[in-house]
Amino acid sequence: MIEEVATVSAVYEGGVEVVCFSKSACGQCQQNSQCGTGIVSKALPGREHRFLITTDLSLTVNQQVRIGIPEHSLIGSAIVVYLFPLLLLLGAALLASVGFGMGDAGTLASASAGAVIGFWLASHYAKGNRLQTEPIIISPMLSVANLD
């Protein structure tokens, strides 16, 4: 399970809206001040992500929760989004070039058609909700008391 801490921003009947911020992986090494990617990551603000999650837990606004997405769902989504179009692009180009003996223009057109069909299949497969891509609430976080 890939986990992240999020904050409840709104409570609805049967669910909640949570917000979490993406963090850059850069800035963690010793080359931070000399690396171009590290400098760019400092200049750009983190991105805010909002999710509506159905739950029967009793949560309040500004409460932190641990949310997660199963690894197999993320891997399956990546395979669908990246591998379908790539395999169809390469397969169509190979078939056009070797199988039908088309020239460069025919191979390029077939490869483009294969990629378009691959993206269409990936979109069609993703809309079928065959993969669990929505996060779930794993548990609410314990609040920390200030003992001043």
Protein backbone atom coordinates (compact mmCIF):
# COMPACT_ATOMS: atom_id res chain seq x y z
CA MET A 1 0.00 0.00 0.00
CA ILE A 2 1.37 3.39 -0.99
CA GLU A 3 0.48 5.74 1.87
CA GLU A 4 0.31 9.50 2.37
CA VAL A 5 -0.90 11.78 5.14
CA ALA A 6 -3.77 14.06 4.14
CA THR A 7 -5.91 16.67 5.88
CA VAL A 8 -9.70 16.58 5.87
CA SER A 9 -10.92 19.78 4.22
CA ALA A 10 -14.67 19.10 4.14
CA VAL A 11 -17.06 16.56 5.59
CA TYR A 12 -20.05 15.33 3.61
CA GLU A 13 -22.67 12.74 4.34
CA GLY A 14 -21.09 9.42 3.41
CA GLY A 15 -17.64 10.82 2.69
CA VAL A 16 -14.97 13.44 3.11
CA GLU A 17 -12.76 15.63 0.96
CA VAL A 18 -9.07 15.37 1.78
CA VAL A 19 -6.12 17.49 0.67
CA CYS A 20 -2.49 16.47 0.41
CA PHE A 21 0.53 18.17 -1.13
CA SER A 22 3.02 16.58 -3.50
CA LYS A 23 6.62 16.81 -2.41
CA SER A 24 9.61 16.92 -4.67
CA ALA A 25 12.17 14.18 -4.27
CA CYS A 26 14.87 16.77 -4.89
CA GLY A 27 16.47 18.66 -2.09
CA GLN A 28 17.44 15.54 -0.21
CA CYS A 29 21.02 15.08 -1.40
CA GLN A 30 24.22 17.05 -0.82
CA GLN A 31 24.25 18.43 -4.38
CA ASN A 32 21.00 20.32 -3.75
CA SER A 33 22.45 23.81 -4.26
CA GLN A 34 24.34 22.87 -7.44
CA CYS A 35 21.79 20.62 -9.14
CA GLY A 36 19.52 22.21 -11.73
CA THR A 37 16.57 20.03 -10.79
CA GLY A 38 16.98 20.91 -7.11
CA ILE A 39 17.00 24.62 -7.89
CA VAL A 40 13.87 24.33 -10.02
CA SER A 41 12.07 22.30 -7.32
CA LYS A 42 12.77 25.09 -4.82
CA ALA A 43 11.33 27.71 -7.16
CA LEU A 44 8.09 25.86 -7.87
CA PRO A 45 5.49 25.45 -5.14
CA GLY A 46 4.17 22.03 -4.20
CA ARG A 47 0.97 20.89 -5.89
CA GLU A 48 -2.23 20.44 -3.97
CA HIS A 49 -4.25 17.26 -4.56
CA ARG A 50 -7.90 16.95 -3.52
CA PHE A 51 -9.82 13.68 -3.30
CA LEU A 52 -13.39 12.80 -2.42
CA ILE A 53 -13.34 9.58 -0.42
CA THR A 54 -16.39 7.66 0.71
CA THR A 55 -16.16 6.57 4.32
CA ASP A 56 -18.34 5.89 7.34
CA LEU A 57 -15.70 7.15 9.80
CA SER A 58 -16.58 10.12 11.98
CA LEU A 59 -13.99 12.70 10.90
CA THR A 60 -13.72 16.44 11.43
CA VAL A 61 -12.34 19.28 9.32
CA ASN A 62 -8.54 19.77 9.70
CA GLN A 63 -8.13 16.24 11.06
CA GLN A 64 -5.25 14.32 9.53
CA VAL A 65 -5.82 10.88 8.05
CA ARG A 66 -3.62 8.27 6.44
CA ILE A 67 -4.78 7.51 2.89
CA GLY A 68 -3.46 4.84 0.56
CA ILE A 69 -3.61 3.28 -2.89
CA PRO A 70 -2.73 -0.40 -3.41
CA GLU A 71 0.58 -0.96 -5.27
CA HIS A 72 -0.98 -3.38 -7.74
CA SER A 73 -3.45 -0.67 -8.75
CA LEU A 74 -0.67 1.82 -9.42
CA ILE A 75 1.41 -0.71 -11.34
CA GLY A 76 -1.62 -1.84 -13.34
CA SER A 77 -2.50 1.75 -14.20
CA ALA A 78 1.06 2.46 -15.34
CA ILE A 79 1.06 -0.64 -17.53
CA VAL A 80 -2.23 0.34 -19.13
CA VAL A 81 -1.29 3.97 -19.73
CA TYR A 82 2.27 3.43 -20.95
CA LEU A 83 2.51 -0.11 -22.27
CA PHE A 84 -0.67 -0.37 -24.41
CA PRO A 85 0.21 2.59 -26.65
CA LEU A 86 3.91 1.71 -26.82
CA LEU A 87 3.36 -1.93 -27.75
CA LEU A 88 0.76 -1.07 -30.36
CA LEU A 89 3.01 1.66 -31.80
CA LEU A 90 5.95 -0.73 -32.12
CA GLY A 91 3.79 -3.62 -33.32
CA ALA A 92 2.11 -1.55 -36.02
CA ALA A 93 5.44 -0.13 -37.18
CA LEU A 94 7.00 -3.61 -37.32
CA LEU A 95 4.03 -5.07 -39.14
CA ALA A 96 4.01 -2.24 -41.68
CA SER A 97 7.75 -2.33 -42.28
CA VAL A 98 8.51 -6.05 -42.25
CA GLY A 99 5.12 -7.62 -42.82
CA PHE A 100 3.80 -5.43 -45.62
CA GLY A 101 7.10 -3.98 -46.87
CA MET A 102 5.90 -0.39 -46.62
CA GLY A 103 8.40 2.43 -46.87
CA ASP A 104 9.21 4.99 -44.23
CA ALA A 105 6.01 7.00 -44.71
CA GLY A 106 3.80 3.90 -44.41
CA THR A 107 5.68 2.71 -41.35
CA LEU A 108 5.36 6.12 -39.71
CA ALA A 109 1.63 6.30 -40.50
CA SER A 110 1.08 2.77 -39.16
CA ALA A 111 3.04 3.54 -36.00
CA SER A 112 0.95 6.68 -35.43
CA ALA A 113 -2.26 4.73 -35.98
CA GLY A 114 -1.05 2.04 -33.56
CA ALA A 115 -0.30 4.66 -30.90
CA VAL A 116 -3.72 6.29 -31.32
CA ILE A 117 -5.43 2.90 -31.02
CA GLY A 118 -3.29 2.13 -27.96
CA PHE A 119 -4.30 5.37 -26.25
CA TRP A 120 -7.94 4.71 -27.13
CA LEU A 121 -7.74 1.19 -25.66
CA ALA A 122 -6.05 2.51 -22.51
CA SER A 123 -8.76 5.14 -22.11
CA HIS A 124 -11.51 2.60 -22.70
CA TYR A 125 -9.95 0.17 -20.22
CA ALA A 126 -9.49 2.88 -17.57
CA LYS A 127 -13.11 4.07 -17.89
CA GLY A 128 -14.29 0.53 -17.24
CA ASN A 129 -13.09 0.92 -13.60
CA ARG A 130 -11.18 -2.33 -13.78
CA LEU A 131 -8.49 -0.92 -11.50
CA GLN A 132 -8.94 0.61 -8.05
CA THR A 133 -7.41 4.01 -8.59
CA GLU A 134 -9.27 5.90 -5.87
CA PRO A 135 -7.51 6.30 -2.53
CA ILE A 136 -8.97 4.82 0.63
CA ILE A 137 -8.72 6.03 4.21
CA ILE A 138 -6.51 3.66 6.14
CA SER A 139 -6.87 5.30 9.54
CA PRO A 140 -7.28 8.67 11.22
CA MET A 141 -4.13 10.11 12.75
CA LEU A 142 -3.95 10.63 16.48
CA SER A 143 -4.03 14.26 17.48
CA VAL A 144 -1.09 15.61 19.46
CA ALA A 145 -1.86 17.56 22.61
CA ASN A 146 0.02 20.75 23.38
CA LEU A 147 1.06 20.61 27.04
CA ASP A 148 2.20 24.16 27.72
